[in-house]
């Protein structure tokens, strides 16, 4: 009587995914965080290089 239908988990996930997008997986989120951190650190390095180049030329 209480046996689930063989399609219940798959059908539920498929209907949910078609109705609304799945939330990003933890691995995707960690990858995005890593990319954001890498880009922000690269921007900081570029800004530091830019200011270090501008300051000596301006003072000299």
N, C-alpha and C. Protein backbone atom coordinates (compact mmCIF):
# COMPACT_ATOMS: atom_id res chain seq x y z
N UNK A 1 0.83 -1.20 0.00
CA UNK A 1 0.00 0.00 0.00
C UNK A 1 0.88 1.27 0.00
N UNK A 2 1.96 1.26 0.82
CA UNK A 2 2.77 2.46 0.96
C UNK A 2 3.96 2.48 0.00
N UNK A 3 3.99 1.57 -0.95
CA UNK A 3 5.13 1.56 -1.88
C UNK A 3 5.07 2.77 -2.82
N UNK A 4 6.16 3.54 -2.90
CA UNK A 4 6.16 4.72 -3.77
C UNK A 4 6.21 4.33 -5.24
N UNK A 5 5.74 5.19 -6.09
CA UNK A 5 5.80 4.90 -7.52
C UNK A 5 7.26 4.99 -7.97
N UNK A 6 7.69 4.19 -8.94
CA UNK A 6 9.10 4.16 -9.34
C UNK A 6 9.59 5.49 -9.91
N UNK A 7 8.66 6.34 -10.34
CA UNK A 7 9.06 7.58 -11.00
C UNK A 7 8.99 8.78 -10.06
N UNK A 8 8.52 8.59 -8.83
CA UNK A 8 8.22 9.76 -7.99
C UNK A 8 9.42 10.69 -7.78
N UNK A 9 10.61 10.23 -7.38
CA UNK A 9 11.71 11.18 -7.15
C UNK A 9 12.13 11.89 -8.44
N UNK A 10 12.27 11.14 -9.53
CA UNK A 10 12.71 11.74 -10.78
C UNK A 10 11.67 12.71 -11.32
N UNK A 11 10.40 12.31 -11.28
CA UNK A 11 9.35 13.18 -11.79
C UNK A 11 9.28 14.46 -10.97
N UNK A 12 9.46 14.34 -9.66
CA UNK A 12 9.39 15.53 -8.81
C UNK A 12 10.52 16.48 -9.14
N UNK A 13 11.74 15.96 -9.26
CA UNK A 13 12.88 16.84 -9.55
C UNK A 13 12.75 17.44 -10.94
N UNK A 14 12.27 16.65 -11.89
CA UNK A 14 12.12 17.18 -13.25
C UNK A 14 11.06 18.27 -13.29
N UNK A 15 9.93 18.07 -12.62
CA UNK A 15 8.88 19.08 -12.64
C UNK A 15 9.36 20.34 -11.92
N UNK A 16 10.12 20.18 -10.84
CA UNK A 16 10.63 21.35 -10.12
C UNK A 16 11.65 22.11 -10.97
N UNK A 17 12.53 21.38 -11.64
CA UNK A 17 13.56 22.04 -12.43
C UNK A 17 12.95 22.74 -13.64
N UNK A 18 11.88 22.17 -14.19
CA UNK A 18 11.25 22.82 -15.34
C UNK A 18 10.43 24.02 -14.89
N UNK A 19 9.88 23.96 -13.68
CA UNK A 19 9.07 25.07 -13.18
C UNK A 19 9.96 26.24 -12.76
N UNK A 20 11.07 25.94 -12.12
CA UNK A 20 11.98 27.01 -11.68
C UNK A 20 13.41 26.49 -11.75
N UNK A 21 14.38 27.35 -12.00
CA UNK A 21 15.78 26.89 -12.10
C UNK A 21 16.29 26.37 -10.77
N UNK A 22 17.15 25.38 -10.85
CA UNK A 22 17.73 24.83 -9.62
C UNK A 22 18.70 25.84 -9.00
N UNK A 23 18.79 25.88 -7.69
CA UNK A 23 19.79 26.75 -7.06
C UNK A 23 21.18 26.24 -7.39
N UNK A 24 22.16 27.12 -7.49
CA UNK A 24 23.52 26.68 -7.83
C UNK A 24 24.06 25.72 -6.79
N UNK A 25 24.80 24.75 -7.24
CA UNK A 25 25.36 23.76 -6.33
C UNK A 25 26.48 24.39 -5.51
N UNK A 26 26.80 23.83 -4.35
CA UNK A 26 27.89 24.37 -3.52
C UNK A 26 29.21 24.49 -4.28
N UNK A 27 29.48 23.53 -5.15
CA UNK A 27 30.74 23.59 -5.90
C UNK A 27 30.75 24.79 -6.83
N UNK A 28 29.60 25.09 -7.44
CA UNK A 28 29.52 26.26 -8.31
C UNK A 28 29.68 27.53 -7.51
N UNK A 29 29.05 27.58 -6.33
CA UNK A 29 29.16 28.77 -5.49
C UNK A 29 30.60 28.99 -5.05
N UNK A 30 31.29 27.92 -4.64
CA UNK A 30 32.68 28.06 -4.20
C UNK A 30 33.55 28.49 -5.38
N UNK A 31 33.25 27.99 -6.57
CA UNK A 31 34.00 28.39 -7.75
C UNK A 31 33.80 29.87 -8.05
N UNK A 32 32.55 30.34 -7.92
CA UNK A 32 32.28 31.76 -8.15
C UNK A 32 32.99 32.62 -7.12
N UNK A 33 32.96 32.18 -5.86
CA UNK A 33 33.64 32.94 -4.80
C UNK A 33 35.13 33.03 -5.10
N UNK A 34 35.71 31.91 -5.57
CA UNK A 34 37.14 31.90 -5.90
C UNK A 34 37.43 32.87 -7.04
N UNK A 35 36.57 32.85 -8.07
CA UNK A 35 36.77 33.76 -9.20
C UNK A 35 36.67 35.21 -8.76
N UNK A 36 35.67 35.51 -7.94
CA UNK A 36 35.50 36.88 -7.45
C UNK A 36 36.71 37.30 -6.64
N UNK A 37 37.19 36.41 -5.78
CA UNK A 37 38.36 36.73 -4.96
C UNK A 37 39.59 36.94 -5.84
N UNK A 38 39.77 36.10 -6.84
CA UNK A 38 40.92 36.23 -7.72
C UNK A 38 40.85 37.54 -8.51
N UNK A 39 39.66 37.87 -9.00
CA UNK A 39 39.51 39.12 -9.76
C UNK A 39 39.74 40.33 -8.88
N UNK A 40 39.20 40.30 -7.67
CA UNK A 40 39.37 41.45 -6.78
C UNK A 40 40.84 41.62 -6.40
N UNK A 41 41.54 40.51 -6.14
CA UNK A 41 42.96 40.61 -5.80
C UNK A 41 43.76 41.12 -7.00
N UNK A 42 43.37 40.69 -8.20
CA UNK A 42 44.05 41.17 -9.40
C UNK A 42 43.81 42.67 -9.57
N UNK A 43 42.59 43.11 -9.30
CA UNK A 43 42.30 44.55 -9.40
C UNK A 43 43.12 45.33 -8.39
N UNK A 44 43.26 44.80 -7.18
CA UNK A 44 44.06 45.49 -6.17
C UNK A 44 45.51 45.59 -6.62
N UNK A 45 46.06 44.52 -7.20
CA UNK A 45 47.44 44.55 -7.67
C UNK A 45 47.60 45.58 -8.78
N UNK A 46 46.63 45.63 -9.69
CA UNK A 46 46.70 46.59 -10.79
C UNK A 46 46.65 48.01 -10.25
N UNK A 47 45.77 48.25 -9.28
CA UNK A 47 45.66 49.59 -8.71
C UNK A 47 46.95 49.97 -8.00
N UNK A 48 47.54 49.01 -7.28
CA UNK A 48 48.80 49.30 -6.58
C UNK A 48 49.90 49.62 -7.58
N UNK A 49 49.97 48.84 -8.66
CA UNK A 49 50.99 49.10 -9.68
C UNK A 49 50.75 50.46 -10.32
N UNK A 50 49.48 50.78 -10.59
CA UNK A 50 49.17 52.06 -11.20
C UNK A 50 49.55 53.22 -10.30
N UNK A 51 49.24 53.13 -9.02
CA UNK A 51 49.56 54.23 -8.11
C UNK A 51 51.07 54.30 -7.89
N UNK A 52 51.75 53.16 -7.82
CA UNK A 52 53.19 53.19 -7.60
C UNK A 52 53.91 53.77 -8.83
N UNK A 53 53.31 53.60 -10.01
CA UNK A 53 53.91 54.18 -11.21
C UNK A 53 53.61 55.68 -11.29
N UNK A 54 52.42 56.05 -10.87
CA UNK A 54 52.01 57.46 -10.99
C UNK A 54 52.72 58.32 -9.95
N UNK A 55 52.83 57.82 -8.72
CA UNK A 55 53.39 58.64 -7.64
C UNK A 55 54.84 59.05 -7.91
N UNK A 56 55.75 58.13 -8.28
CA UNK A 56 57.13 58.55 -8.53
C UNK A 56 57.22 59.54 -9.69
N UNK A 57 56.44 59.34 -10.75
CA UNK A 57 56.51 60.25 -11.89
C UNK A 57 55.96 61.62 -11.50
N UNK A 58 54.94 61.65 -10.64
CA UNK A 58 54.36 62.92 -10.22
C UNK A 58 55.30 63.66 -9.27
N UNK A 59 56.00 62.92 -8.40
CA UNK A 59 56.90 63.57 -7.44
C UNK A 59 58.21 63.98 -8.11
N UNK A 60 58.56 63.32 -9.20
CA UNK A 60 59.81 63.64 -9.85
C UNK A 60 59.59 64.63 -10.93
